[in-house]
Amino acid sequence: MNITEQKLFRDILASLEPYRAVFLVGCGDCSTVCKTGGSDQVLHMARLLEERGKTVTGFCVPQAPCIASHIKTEFAKNMKQLREADVMLVLACGAGVQSAKDNDRSGKTVIPACNTLFTGVMDAAGNFKEKCSLCGECVLEITGGICPITLCSKGLMNGPCGGMDKGKCETDRNKDCAWVLIYQELEKRGIADKVKQVQKPRDYKKMQKPRSLSMK
């Protein structure tokens, strides 16, 4: 899940300053869960913009705007309203914003309403936590399902650094050391010896951007 926060309304207004008519695009997936771009947030944004003198020509909330077929279907349903707009305001992650741009045949200027923070999960208490760095070389089978690239402040692959103290990270004494958590998890499973395996350096070429994957 891509975790987003909505930009300050004053910053959104500043981005929209040259434009009068706005078409809104939300997200029925990640941004709905984050409460930054679901139907409720899109309707609320429409009210705020109209109170500030903007004309909202229409809106749509694709299930996943980052999937071309989803957003193309919604654009086709709302083509008249989209053509009447001067600009498109997208309440989704950066991938959703760029997908809207790539799949809009009318060539509208596309403006983001959200900041994309990280890829993460929602815990049982409703908190969002970063869990994956999209590094291209998953080692969770070695580290007991705990990602050292993400949860270790230094992204270390072979155990804790010398700054670890009483199970806490030297960068934040309120934060558990990822490698202590990994060792405890492996010990609980009876496979603590796995931490003795020296991991080879990561292949940073797998993180070169932009990345792509062909499904053919």
N, C-alpha and C. Protein backbone atom coordinates (compact mmCIF):
# COMPACT_ATOMS: atom_id res chain seq x y z
N MET A 1 0.84 -1.19 0.00
CA MET A 1 0.00 0.00 0.00
C MET A 1 0.88 1.25 0.00
N ASN A 2 0.55 2.22 -0.85
CA ASN A 2 1.25 3.49 -0.85
C ASN A 2 0.59 4.43 0.15
N ILE A 3 1.36 4.87 1.13
CA ILE A 3 0.83 5.71 2.20
C ILE A 3 0.98 7.17 1.80
N THR A 4 -0.13 7.92 1.86
CA THR A 4 -0.11 9.32 1.46
C THR A 4 -0.66 10.21 2.57
N GLU A 5 -0.29 11.48 2.47
CA GLU A 5 -0.90 12.51 3.30
C GLU A 5 -1.41 13.60 2.36
N GLN A 6 -2.51 14.22 2.71
CA GLN A 6 -3.02 15.27 1.84
C GLN A 6 -2.20 16.54 2.06
N LYS A 7 -1.88 17.23 0.99
CA LYS A 7 -1.16 18.48 1.08
C LYS A 7 -2.00 19.52 1.82
N LEU A 8 -1.35 20.54 2.37
CA LEU A 8 -2.08 21.63 2.99
C LEU A 8 -2.98 22.29 1.94
N PHE A 9 -4.19 22.63 2.34
CA PHE A 9 -5.14 23.19 1.38
C PHE A 9 -4.60 24.48 0.76
N ARG A 10 -3.89 25.27 1.54
CA ARG A 10 -3.33 26.52 1.00
C ARG A 10 -2.34 26.24 -0.12
N ASP A 11 -1.59 25.12 0.00
CA ASP A 11 -0.63 24.76 -1.05
C ASP A 11 -1.34 24.25 -2.29
N ILE A 12 -2.44 23.51 -2.07
CA ILE A 12 -3.24 23.05 -3.20
C ILE A 12 -3.83 24.25 -3.95
N LEU A 13 -4.36 25.21 -3.19
CA LEU A 13 -4.92 26.41 -3.81
C LEU A 13 -3.86 27.18 -4.60
N ALA A 14 -2.66 27.25 -4.05
CA ALA A 14 -1.59 27.96 -4.74
C ALA A 14 -1.28 27.28 -6.08
N SER A 15 -1.29 25.94 -6.10
CA SER A 15 -1.04 25.21 -7.35
C SER A 15 -2.15 25.44 -8.37
N LEU A 16 -3.36 25.65 -7.86
CA LEU A 16 -4.52 25.82 -8.74
C LEU A 16 -4.78 27.28 -9.10
N GLU A 17 -3.97 28.17 -8.60
CA GLU A 17 -4.23 29.61 -8.75
C GLU A 17 -4.49 30.04 -10.20
N PRO A 18 -3.74 29.52 -11.19
CA PRO A 18 -3.98 29.99 -12.57
C PRO A 18 -5.25 29.42 -13.20
N TYR A 19 -5.93 28.50 -12.54
CA TYR A 19 -7.02 27.77 -13.16
C TYR A 19 -8.36 28.06 -12.47
N ARG A 20 -9.43 27.97 -13.25
CA ARG A 20 -10.76 28.21 -12.70
C ARG A 20 -11.55 26.92 -12.54
N ALA A 21 -11.59 26.09 -13.59
CA ALA A 21 -12.42 24.88 -13.59
C ALA A 21 -11.55 23.66 -13.31
N VAL A 22 -11.99 22.86 -12.34
CA VAL A 22 -11.18 21.74 -11.86
C VAL A 22 -11.96 20.44 -11.95
N PHE A 23 -11.29 19.39 -12.42
CA PHE A 23 -11.83 18.03 -12.39
C PHE A 23 -11.04 17.25 -11.35
N LEU A 24 -11.74 16.55 -10.47
CA LEU A 24 -11.10 15.83 -9.37
C LEU A 24 -11.02 14.34 -9.65
N VAL A 25 -9.88 13.75 -9.30
CA VAL A 25 -9.68 12.31 -9.42
C VAL A 25 -9.25 11.77 -8.06
N GLY A 26 -9.98 10.78 -7.56
CA GLY A 26 -9.62 10.15 -6.30
C GLY A 26 -9.04 8.77 -6.51
N CYS A 27 -8.98 8.00 -5.45
CA CYS A 27 -8.43 6.65 -5.49
C CYS A 27 -9.25 5.75 -4.58
N GLY A 28 -9.78 4.67 -5.15
CA GLY A 28 -10.60 3.76 -4.37
C GLY A 28 -9.82 2.73 -3.59
N ASP A 29 -8.50 2.80 -3.66
CA ASP A 29 -7.67 1.80 -3.00
C ASP A 29 -6.86 2.43 -1.87
N CYS A 30 -5.57 2.66 -2.08
CA CYS A 30 -4.69 3.11 -1.00
C CYS A 30 -5.13 4.44 -0.38
N SER A 31 -5.47 5.43 -1.23
CA SER A 31 -5.82 6.74 -0.70
C SER A 31 -7.15 6.72 0.04
N THR A 32 -8.03 5.79 -0.32
CA THR A 32 -9.27 5.63 0.44
C THR A 32 -8.95 5.13 1.85
N VAL A 33 -8.06 4.14 1.94
CA VAL A 33 -7.67 3.61 3.25
C VAL A 33 -6.98 4.68 4.08
N CYS A 34 -6.13 5.49 3.44
CA CYS A 34 -5.41 6.56 4.14
C CYS A 34 -6.29 7.78 4.43
N LYS A 35 -7.49 7.78 3.89
CA LYS A 35 -8.43 8.90 4.04
C LYS A 35 -7.85 10.19 3.47
N THR A 36 -7.19 10.05 2.32
CA THR A 36 -6.63 11.20 1.64
C THR A 36 -7.22 11.41 0.25
N GLY A 37 -7.93 10.39 -0.28
CA GLY A 37 -8.43 10.53 -1.64
C GLY A 37 -9.60 9.64 -1.98
N GLY A 38 -10.33 9.18 -0.96
CA GLY A 38 -11.54 8.40 -1.20
C GLY A 38 -12.70 9.29 -1.57
N SER A 39 -13.86 8.71 -1.75
CA SER A 39 -15.05 9.49 -2.16
C SER A 39 -15.36 10.62 -1.19
N ASP A 40 -15.26 10.36 0.11
CA ASP A 40 -15.55 11.40 1.10
C ASP A 40 -14.58 12.57 0.97
N GLN A 41 -13.30 12.26 0.78
CA GLN A 41 -12.30 13.32 0.68
C GLN A 41 -12.44 14.10 -0.62
N VAL A 42 -12.82 13.41 -1.70
CA VAL A 42 -13.03 14.08 -2.97
C VAL A 42 -14.20 15.06 -2.88
N LEU A 43 -15.30 14.63 -2.27
CA LEU A 43 -16.46 15.51 -2.11
C LEU A 43 -16.14 16.69 -1.20
N HIS A 44 -15.37 16.43 -0.15
CA HIS A 44 -14.97 17.52 0.74
C HIS A 44 -14.08 18.52 0.02
N MET A 45 -13.16 18.02 -0.79
CA MET A 45 -12.29 18.91 -1.56
C MET A 45 -13.11 19.74 -2.54
N ALA A 46 -14.11 19.12 -3.16
CA ALA A 46 -14.97 19.86 -4.09
C ALA A 46 -15.66 21.01 -3.38
N ARG A 47 -16.17 20.77 -2.18
CA ARG A 47 -16.83 21.84 -1.43
C ARG A 47 -15.86 22.97 -1.08
N LEU A 48 -14.67 22.61 -0.65
CA LEU A 48 -13.68 23.62 -0.29
C LEU A 48 -13.30 24.48 -1.49
N LEU A 49 -13.12 23.83 -2.63
CA LEU A 49 -12.72 24.56 -3.82
C LEU A 49 -13.83 25.50 -4.30
N GLU A 50 -15.06 25.01 -4.25
CA GLU A 50 -16.18 25.85 -4.68
C GLU A 50 -16.38 27.03 -3.75
N GLU A 51 -16.09 26.84 -2.47
CA GLU A 51 -16.17 27.96 -1.51
C GLU A 51 -15.13 29.02 -1.82
N ARG A 52 -14.04 28.62 -2.48
CA ARG A 52 -12.98 29.56 -2.85
C ARG A 52 -13.13 30.06 -4.29
N GLY A 53 -14.29 29.83 -4.88
CA GLY A 53 -14.56 30.40 -6.19
C GLY A 53 -14.20 29.53 -7.37
N LYS A 54 -13.73 28.30 -7.13
CA LYS A 54 -13.43 27.40 -8.23
C LYS A 54 -14.70 26.70 -8.71
N THR A 55 -14.69 26.28 -9.96
CA THR A 55 -15.79 25.48 -10.51
C THR A 55 -15.31 24.04 -10.63
N VAL A 56 -15.97 23.14 -9.93
CA VAL A 56 -15.64 21.72 -10.02
C VAL A 56 -16.54 21.11 -11.09
N THR A 57 -15.95 20.76 -12.22
CA THR A 57 -16.75 20.27 -13.35
C THR A 57 -17.21 18.83 -13.15
N GLY A 58 -16.53 18.09 -12.30
CA GLY A 58 -16.90 16.69 -12.04
C GLY A 58 -15.79 15.99 -11.29
N PHE A 59 -16.02 14.72 -11.03
CA PHE A 59 -15.00 13.93 -10.33
C PHE A 59 -15.20 12.46 -10.62
N CYS A 60 -14.16 11.67 -10.36
CA CYS A 60 -14.26 10.23 -10.44
C CYS A 60 -13.32 9.62 -9.41
N VAL A 61 -13.63 8.41 -8.99
CA VAL A 61 -12.80 7.70 -8.01
C VAL A 61 -12.53 6.30 -8.56
N PRO A 62 -11.52 6.17 -9.43
CA PRO A 62 -11.18 4.83 -9.95
C PRO A 62 -10.79 3.90 -8.81
N GLN A 63 -11.08 2.62 -8.96
CA GLN A 63 -10.70 1.67 -7.92
C GLN A 63 -9.19 1.73 -7.66
N ALA A 64 -8.40 1.78 -8.73
CA ALA A 64 -6.94 1.91 -8.60
C ALA A 64 -6.46 2.77 -9.76
N PRO A 65 -6.30 4.07 -9.56
CA PRO A 65 -5.93 4.95 -10.67
C PRO A 65 -4.56 4.64 -11.26
N CYS A 66 -3.73 3.89 -10.54
CA CYS A 66 -2.42 3.52 -11.07
C CYS A 66 -2.53 2.41 -12.12
N ILE A 67 -3.71 1.82 -12.28
CA ILE A 67 -3.94 0.80 -13.31
C ILE A 67 -4.65 1.48 -14.48
N ALA A 68 -4.01 1.45 -15.65
CA ALA A 68 -4.50 2.20 -16.81
C ALA A 68 -5.95 1.89 -17.14
N SER A 69 -6.32 0.61 -17.13
CA SER A 69 -7.69 0.25 -17.53
C SER A 69 -8.72 0.85 -16.57
N HIS A 70 -8.38 0.97 -15.29
CA HIS A 70 -9.33 1.53 -14.31
C HIS A 70 -9.57 3.01 -14.58
N ILE A 71 -8.49 3.74 -14.78
CA ILE A 71 -8.66 5.19 -14.92
C ILE A 71 -9.19 5.55 -16.31
N LYS A 72 -8.84 4.77 -17.32
CA LYS A 72 -9.39 5.02 -18.65
C LYS A 72 -10.91 4.85 -18.66
N THR A 73 -11.39 3.84 -17.96
CA THR A 73 -12.84 3.61 -17.89
C THR A 73 -13.54 4.79 -17.24
N GLU A 74 -12.97 5.30 -16.15
CA GLU A 74 -13.59 6.44 -15.45
C GLU A 74 -13.52 7.71 -16.29
N PHE A 75 -12.41 7.91 -16.99
CA PHE A 75 -12.31 9.09 -17.84
C PHE A 75 -13.34 9.03 -18.97
N ALA A 76 -13.54 7.84 -19.52
CA ALA A 76 -14.51 7.69 -20.60
C ALA A 76 -15.92 8.03 -20.11
N LYS A 77 -16.26 7.63 -18.88
CA LYS A 77 -17.57 7.92 -18.31
C LYS A 77 -17.76 9.41 -18.06
N ASN A 78 -16.67 10.13 -17.84
CA ASN A 78 -16.75 11.53 -17.43
C ASN A 78 -16.07 12.46 -18.44
N MET A 79 -16.05 12.06 -19.71
CA MET A 79 -15.31 12.80 -20.71
C MET A 79 -15.81 14.24 -20.86
N LYS A 80 -17.13 14.46 -20.82
CA LYS A 80 -17.67 15.82 -20.97
C LYS A 80 -17.18 16.72 -19.84
N GLN A 81 -17.28 16.22 -18.59
CA GLN A 81 -16.86 17.02 -17.44
C GLN A 81 -15.36 17.26 -17.45
N LEU A 82 -14.61 16.26 -17.92
CA LEU A 82 -13.16 16.40 -17.98
C LEU A 82 -12.76 17.46 -19.01
N ARG A 83 -13.42 17.46 -20.14
CA ARG A 83 -13.09 18.43 -21.18
C ARG A 83 -13.45 19.86 -20.76
N GLU A 84 -14.43 20.00 -19.89
CA GLU A 84 -14.83 21.33 -19.43
C GLU A 84 -13.86 21.91 -18.42
N ALA A 85 -12.97 21.07 -17.88
CA ALA A 85 -12.03 21.52 -16.85
C ALA A 85 -10.78 22.14 -17.45
N ASP A 86 -10.16 23.04 -16.69
CA ASP A 86 -8.88 23.62 -17.07
C ASP A 86 -7.72 22.78 -16.54
N VAL A 87 -7.99 22.04 -15.46
CA VAL A 87 -6.92 21.32 -14.78
C VAL A 87 -7.51 20.11 -14.07
N MET A 88 -6.66 19.12 -13.82
CA MET A 88 -7.08 17.92 -13.10
C MET A 88 -6.33 17.86 -11.76
N LEU A 89 -7.07 17.75 -10.67
CA LEU A 89 -6.48 17.63 -9.34
C LEU A 89 -6.64 16.19 -8.89
N VAL A 90 -5.51 15.51 -8.62
CA VAL A 90 -5.53 14.08 -8.33
C VAL A 90 -5.23 13.83 -6.84
N LEU A 91 -6.18 13.21 -6.15
CA LEU A 91 -6.03 12.88 -4.73
C LEU A 91 -5.58 11.43 -4.62
N ALA A 92 -4.33 11.18 -4.98
CA ALA A 92 -3.78 9.83 -4.99
C ALA A 92 -2.27 9.92 -4.82
N CYS A 93 -1.61 8.77 -4.83
CA CYS A 93 -0.15 8.75 -4.73
C CYS A 93 0.46 9.25 -6.04
N GLY A 94 1.79 9.40 -6.03
CA GLY A 94 2.46 9.88 -7.22
C GLY A 94 2.26 9.00 -8.44
N ALA A 95 2.14 7.69 -8.20
CA ALA A 95 1.88 6.77 -9.32
C ALA A 95 0.51 7.04 -9.92
N GLY A 96 -0.48 7.31 -9.07
CA GLY A 96 -1.81 7.62 -9.55
C GLY A 96 -1.85 8.92 -10.34
N VAL A 97 -1.10 9.92 -9.85
CA VAL A 97 -1.05 11.21 -10.54
C VAL A 97 -0.47 11.03 -11.95
N GLN A 98 0.63 10.29 -12.04
CA GLN A 98 1.28 10.11 -13.34
C GLN A 98 0.46 9.21 -14.27
N SER A 99 -0.27 8.26 -13.70
CA SER A 99 -1.15 7.43 -14.51
C SER A 99 -2.29 8.27 -15.08
N ALA A 100 -2.80 9.21 -14.28
CA ALA A 100 -3.84 10.11 -14.77
C ALA A 100 -3.32 10.93 -15.95
N LYS A 101 -2.11 11.43 -15.83
CA LYS A 101 -1.51 12.21 -16.91
C LYS A 101 -1.34 11.35 -18.17
N ASP A 102 -0.81 10.15 -17.99
CA ASP A 102 -0.50 9.29 -19.14
C ASP A 102 -1.74 8.80 -19.86
N ASN A 103 -2.86 8.72 -19.15
CA ASN A 103 -4.07 8.13 -19.74
C ASN A 103 -5.16 9.15 -20.05
N ASP A 104 -4.83 10.43 -19.95
CA ASP A 104 -5.78 11.50 -20.26
C ASP A 104 -5.59 11.98 -21.69
N ARG A 105 -6.52 11.68 -22.57
CA ARG A 105 -6.41 12.06 -23.97
C ARG A 105 -6.65 13.55 -24.19
N SER A 106 -7.23 14.24 -23.20
CA SER A 106 -7.52 15.67 -23.37
C SER A 106 -6.30 16.54 -23.07
N GLY A 107 -5.26 15.97 -22.49
CA GLY A 107 -4.02 16.71 -22.27
C GLY A 107 -4.07 17.74 -21.18
N LYS A 108 -4.89 17.52 -20.16
CA LYS A 108 -5.01 18.48 -19.06
C LYS A 108 -3.73 18.54 -18.23
N THR A 109 -3.48 19.71 -17.66
CA THR A 109 -2.45 19.81 -16.63
C THR A 109 -2.90 18.99 -15.43
N VAL A 110 -1.99 18.23 -14.83
CA VAL A 110 -2.32 17.36 -13.70
C VAL A 110 -1.56 17.84 -12.47
N ILE A 111 -2.29 18.04 -11.37
CA ILE A 111 -1.71 18.56 -10.14
C ILE A 111 -1.98 17.58 -9.00
N PRO A 112 -0.97 17.25 -8.19
CA PRO A 112 -1.17 16.34 -7.06
C PRO A 112 -1.76 17.06 -5.85
N ALA A 113 -2.67 16.38 -5.17
CA ALA A 113 -3.23 16.90 -3.92
C ALA A 113 -2.63 16.22 -2.70
N CYS A 114 -1.78 15.20 -2.94
CA CYS A 114 -1.22 14.42 -1.84
C CYS A 114 0.29 14.30 -1.96
N ASN A 115 0.92 14.07 -0.83
CA ASN A 115 2.33 13.70 -0.79
C ASN A 115 2.41 12.19 -0.56
N THR A 116 3.24 11.50 -1.32
CA THR A 116 3.43 10.07 -1.15
C THR A 116 4.56 9.86 -0.15
N LEU A 117 4.27 9.18 0.96
CA LEU A 117 5.23 9.06 2.06
C LEU A 117 6.08 7.80 1.98
N PHE A 118 5.43 6.65 1.86
CA PHE A 118 6.16 5.38 1.84
C PHE A 118 5.23 4.24 1.48
N THR A 119 5.82 3.07 1.24
CA THR A 119 5.06 1.84 1.05
C THR A 119 4.99 1.13 2.40
N GLY A 120 3.81 0.82 2.85
CA GLY A 120 3.69 0.23 4.18
C GLY A 120 2.43 -0.58 4.37
N VAL A 121 2.12 -0.83 5.64
CA VAL A 121 0.95 -1.61 6.02
C VAL A 121 0.21 -0.86 7.13
N MET A 122 -1.03 -1.25 7.33
CA MET A 122 -1.80 -0.73 8.45
C MET A 122 -1.86 -1.80 9.54
N ASP A 123 -1.50 -1.41 10.77
CA ASP A 123 -1.55 -2.40 11.85
C ASP A 123 -2.95 -2.47 12.45
N ALA A 124 -3.12 -3.31 13.46
CA ALA A 124 -4.44 -3.55 14.04
C ALA A 124 -5.02 -2.31 14.69
N ALA A 125 -4.15 -1.37 15.08
CA ALA A 125 -4.61 -0.14 15.73
C ALA A 125 -4.90 0.97 14.72
N GLY A 126 -4.70 0.68 13.43
CA GLY A 126 -4.98 1.67 12.41
C GLY A 126 -3.81 2.59 12.10
N ASN A 127 -2.61 2.23 12.57
CA ASN A 127 -1.42 3.03 12.29
C ASN A 127 -0.74 2.53 11.02
N PHE A 128 -0.18 3.45 10.25
CA PHE A 128 0.55 3.08 9.04
C PHE A 128 2.03 2.98 9.36
N LYS A 129 2.65 1.89 8.90
CA LYS A 129 4.06 1.66 9.19
C LYS A 129 4.79 1.21 7.93
N GLU A 130 5.96 1.81 7.70
CA GLU A 130 6.77 1.42 6.55
C GLU A 130 7.38 0.06 6.81
N LYS A 131 7.24 -0.85 5.85
CA LYS A 131 7.74 -2.21 6.02
C LYS A 131 8.66 -2.67 4.90
N CYS A 132 8.58 -2.03 3.74
CA CYS A 132 9.32 -2.50 2.57
C CYS A 132 9.95 -1.32 1.85
N SER A 133 11.21 -1.49 1.42
CA SER A 133 11.92 -0.45 0.68
C SER A 133 11.98 -0.72 -0.82
N LEU A 134 11.29 -1.76 -1.27
CA LEU A 134 11.24 -2.08 -2.71
C LEU A 134 12.63 -2.23 -3.29
N CYS A 135 13.50 -2.95 -2.59
CA CYS A 135 14.91 -3.02 -2.96
C CYS A 135 15.19 -4.00 -4.10
N GLY A 136 14.28 -4.91 -4.40
CA GLY A 136 14.48 -5.85 -5.49
C GLY A 136 15.22 -7.12 -5.10
N GLU A 137 15.64 -7.22 -3.82
CA GLU A 137 16.33 -8.42 -3.34
C GLU A 137 15.79 -8.78 -1.96
N CYS A 138 14.68 -9.49 -1.92
CA CYS A 138 14.02 -9.78 -0.64
C CYS A 138 14.79 -10.85 0.13
N VAL A 139 15.04 -10.56 1.42
CA VAL A 139 15.77 -11.49 2.29
C VAL A 139 14.92 -11.92 3.48
N LEU A 140 13.63 -11.76 3.40
CA LEU A 140 12.76 -12.04 4.54
C LEU A 140 12.80 -13.50 4.98
N GLU A 141 13.15 -14.40 4.05
CA GLU A 141 13.24 -15.81 4.43
C GLU A 141 14.45 -16.06 5.34
N ILE A 142 15.43 -15.17 5.28
CA ILE A 142 16.63 -15.28 6.11
C ILE A 142 16.46 -14.55 7.43
N THR A 143 15.69 -13.48 7.42
CA THR A 143 15.61 -12.59 8.59
C THR A 143 14.29 -12.73 9.36
N GLY A 144 13.62 -13.84 9.20
CA GLY A 144 12.42 -14.08 9.98
C GLY A 144 11.25 -13.18 9.65
N GLY A 145 11.19 -12.72 8.41
CA GLY A 145 10.07 -11.87 8.00
C GLY A 145 10.19 -10.43 8.45
N ILE A 146 11.38 -10.03 8.91
CA ILE A 146 11.63 -8.65 9.34
C ILE A 146 12.67 -8.04 8.40
N CYS A 147 12.33 -6.93 7.75
CA CYS A 147 13.20 -6.36 6.72
C CYS A 147 14.28 -5.47 7.32
N PRO A 148 15.54 -5.87 7.23
CA PRO A 148 16.61 -5.03 7.77
C PRO A 148 16.87 -3.78 6.93
N ILE A 149 16.57 -3.85 5.64
CA ILE A 149 16.79 -2.70 4.77
C ILE A 149 15.90 -1.54 5.20
N THR A 150 14.68 -1.85 5.62
CA THR A 150 13.71 -0.83 5.99
C THR A 150 13.74 -0.51 7.49
N LEU A 151 13.79 -1.53 8.32
CA LEU A 151 13.64 -1.31 9.75
C LEU A 151 14.94 -0.95 10.45
N CYS A 152 16.08 -1.26 9.84
CA CYS A 152 17.37 -0.81 10.38
C CYS A 152 17.65 0.58 9.80
N SER A 153 17.94 1.54 10.66
CA SER A 153 18.17 2.91 10.19
C SER A 153 19.34 3.01 9.23
N LYS A 154 20.26 2.04 9.28
CA LYS A 154 21.42 2.05 8.40
C LYS A 154 21.31 1.02 7.28
N GLY A 155 20.20 0.26 7.26
CA GLY A 155 20.01 -0.74 6.21
C GLY A 155 21.06 -1.83 6.23
N LEU A 156 21.52 -2.20 7.42
CA LEU A 156 22.60 -3.20 7.52
C LEU A 156 22.09 -4.60 7.22
N MET A 157 22.96 -5.40 6.60
CA MET A 157 22.58 -6.75 6.16
C MET A 157 23.18 -7.86 7.01
N ASN A 158 24.11 -7.53 7.91
CA ASN A 158 24.81 -8.60 8.64
C ASN A 158 24.91 -8.31 10.13
N GLY A 159 23.79 -7.98 10.72
CA GLY A 159 23.78 -7.79 12.17
C GLY A 159 23.81 -6.33 12.58
N PRO A 160 23.67 -6.09 13.87
CA PRO A 160 23.59 -4.71 14.37
C PRO A 160 24.93 -3.99 14.31
N CYS A 161 24.85 -2.67 14.31
CA CYS A 161 26.06 -1.85 14.33
C CYS A 161 26.57 -1.73 15.77
N GLY A 162 27.71 -1.08 15.93
CA GLY A 162 28.29 -0.93 17.26
C GLY A 162 27.55 0.04 18.14
N GLY A 163 26.61 0.78 17.57
CA GLY A 163 25.87 1.76 18.37
C GLY A 163 24.66 1.20 19.07
N MET A 164 24.30 -0.05 18.76
CA MET A 164 23.14 -0.66 19.42
C MET A 164 23.41 -0.76 20.93
N ASP A 165 22.41 -0.40 21.73
CA ASP A 165 22.57 -0.44 23.18
C ASP A 165 21.28 -0.93 23.82
N LYS A 166 21.39 -2.03 24.54
CA LYS A 166 20.26 -2.61 25.25
C LYS A 166 19.05 -2.82 24.33
N GLY A 167 19.36 -3.26 23.11
CA GLY A 167 18.30 -3.57 22.16
C GLY A 167 17.72 -2.38 21.44
N LYS A 168 18.28 -1.20 21.65
CA LYS A 168 17.75 0.01 21.03
C LYS A 168 18.72 0.57 19.99
N CYS A 169 18.16 1.29 19.02
CA CYS A 169 18.93 1.88 17.92
C CYS A 169 19.63 3.15 18.39
N GLU A 170 20.87 3.36 17.95
CA GLU A 170 21.59 4.56 18.37
C GLU A 170 20.99 5.83 17.76
N THR A 171 20.25 5.71 16.66
CA THR A 171 19.65 6.91 16.06
C THR A 171 18.40 7.36 16.78
N ASP A 172 17.79 6.45 17.54
CA ASP A 172 16.57 6.76 18.28
C ASP A 172 16.45 5.75 19.41
N ARG A 173 16.66 6.19 20.63
CA ARG A 173 16.67 5.28 21.76
C ARG A 173 15.28 4.72 22.10
N ASN A 174 14.27 5.22 21.44
CA ASN A 174 12.92 4.67 21.62
C ASN A 174 12.59 3.62 20.56
N LYS A 175 13.54 3.41 19.65
CA LYS A 175 13.31 2.49 18.53
C LYS A 175 14.08 1.19 18.76
N ASP A 176 13.40 0.06 18.61
CA ASP A 176 14.07 -1.24 18.74
C ASP A 176 15.05 -1.44 17.60
N CYS A 177 16.20 -2.03 17.93
CA CYS A 177 17.17 -2.39 16.90
C CYS A 177 16.57 -3.50 16.03
N ALA A 178 16.56 -3.28 14.73
CA ALA A 178 15.96 -4.27 13.82
C ALA A 178 16.64 -5.62 13.94
N TRP A 179 17.97 -5.61 14.12
CA TRP A 179 18.69 -6.89 14.17
C TRP A 179 18.47 -7.63 15.48
N VAL A 180 18.18 -6.91 16.54
CA VAL A 180 17.79 -7.59 17.79
C VAL A 180 16.43 -8.26 17.59
N LEU A 181 15.52 -7.56 16.92
CA LEU A 181 14.21 -8.14 16.63
C LEU A 181 14.35 -9.37 15.75
N ILE A 182 15.24 -9.28 14.75
CA ILE A 182 15.46 -10.42 13.86
C ILE A 182 16.00 -11.61 14.65
N TYR A 183 17.00 -11.37 15.49
CA TYR A 183 17.59 -12.48 16.26
C TYR A 183 16.55 -13.11 17.18
N GLN A 184 15.73 -12.27 17.84
CA GLN A 184 14.70 -12.80 18.74
C GLN A 184 13.69 -13.65 17.97
N GLU A 185 13.35 -13.22 16.77
CA GLU A 185 12.39 -13.97 15.96
C GLU A 185 12.98 -15.30 15.51
N LEU A 186 14.22 -15.29 15.07
CA LEU A 186 14.87 -16.53 14.64
C LEU A 186 15.08 -17.48 15.82
N GLU A 187 15.42 -16.91 16.97
CA GLU A 187 15.61 -17.74 18.17
C GLU A 187 14.31 -18.41 18.56
N LYS A 188 13.22 -17.68 18.45
CA LYS A 188 11.90 -18.23 18.78
C LYS A 188 11.56 -19.40 17.88
N ARG A 189 12.05 -19.38 16.65
CA ARG A 189 11.79 -20.45 15.68
C ARG A 189 12.85 -21.56 15.74
N GLY A 190 13.84 -21.35 16.58
CA GLY A 190 14.89 -22.35 16.70
C GLY A 190 15.89 -22.35 15.56
N ILE A 191 16.00 -21.24 14.87
CA ILE A 191 16.92 -21.15 13.73
C ILE A 191 17.82 -19.92 13.86
N ALA A 192 18.23 -19.60 15.09
CA ALA A 192 19.06 -18.42 15.32
C ALA A 192 20.40 -18.49 14.62
N ASP A 193 20.85 -19.69 14.28
CA ASP A 193 22.13 -19.84 13.58
C ASP A 193 22.14 -19.15 12.22
N LYS A 194 20.96 -18.82 11.71
CA LYS A 194 20.90 -18.16 10.40
C LYS A 194 21.61 -16.82 10.40
N VAL A 195 21.69 -16.18 11.57
CA VAL A 195 22.34 -14.87 11.60
C VAL A 195 23.85 -14.99 11.37
N LYS A 196 24.38 -16.21 11.44
CA LYS A 196 25.81 -16.41 11.20
C LYS A 196 26.15 -16.45 9.71
N GLN A 197 25.11 -16.55 8.87
CA GLN A 197 25.35 -16.58 7.44
C GLN A 197 25.69 -15.16 6.96
N VAL A 198 26.86 -15.03 6.36
CA VAL A 198 27.28 -13.72 5.86
C VAL A 198 26.57 -13.43 4.53
N GLN A 199 25.88 -12.32 4.48
CA GLN A 199 25.14 -11.95 3.28
C GLN A 199 26.03 -11.13 2.34
N LYS A 200 25.97 -11.45 1.08
CA LYS A 200 26.77 -10.71 0.10
C LYS A 200 26.22 -9.31 -0.07
N PRO A 201 27.03 -8.40 -0.57
CA PRO A 201 26.56 -7.02 -0.79
C PRO A 201 25.32 -7.01 -1.69
N ARG A 202 24.45 -6.06 -1.46
CA ARG A 202 23.26 -5.93 -2.27
C ARG A 202 23.60 -5.49 -3.68
N ASP A 203 22.78 -5.91 -4.62
CA ASP A 203 22.92 -5.52 -6.02
C ASP A 203 22.12 -4.23 -6.23
N TYR A 204 22.81 -3.11 -6.09
CA TYR A 204 22.12 -1.82 -6.17
C TYR A 204 21.61 -1.52 -7.57
N LYS A 205 22.06 -2.28 -8.57
CA LYS A 205 21.52 -2.07 -9.92
C LYS A 205 20.02 -2.34 -9.95
N LYS A 206 19.56 -3.21 -9.04
CA LYS A 206 18.13 -3.53 -9.00
C LYS A 206 17.29 -2.36 -8.49
N MET A 207 17.96 -1.33 -7.95
CA MET A 207 17.24 -0.16 -7.45
C MET A 207 17.42 1.04 -8.36
N GLN A 208 18.07 0.84 -9.52
CA GLN A 208 18.22 1.94 -10.46
C GLN A 208 16.84 2.36 -10.97
N LYS A 209 16.61 3.64 -11.06
CA LYS A 209 15.30 4.14 -11.48
C LYS A 209 15.40 4.80 -12.85
N PRO A 210 14.31 4.78 -13.61
CA PRO A 210 13.03 4.13 -13.32
C PRO A 210 13.08 2.64 -13.62
N ARG A 211 12.40 1.86 -12.81
CA ARG A 211 12.37 0.42 -13.00
C ARG A 211 11.10 0.02 -13.75
N SER A 212 11.14 -1.14 -14.39
CA SER A 212 9.97 -1.64 -15.11
C SER A 212 10.01 -3.15 -15.12
N LEU A 213 8.86 -3.75 -15.41
CA LEU A 213 8.74 -5.20 -15.50
C LEU A 213 7.77 -5.53 -16.60
N SER A 214 8.23 -6.29 -17.59
CA SER A 214 7.36 -6.69 -18.70
C SER A 214 6.60 -7.95 -18.31
N MET A 215 5.30 -7.96 -18.58
CA MET A 215 4.46 -9.12 -18.25
C MET A 215 4.27 -10.01 -19.46
N LYS A 216 4.97 -9.75 -20.57
CA LYS A 216 4.82 -10.57 -21.78
C LYS A 216 5.61 -11.86 -21.64
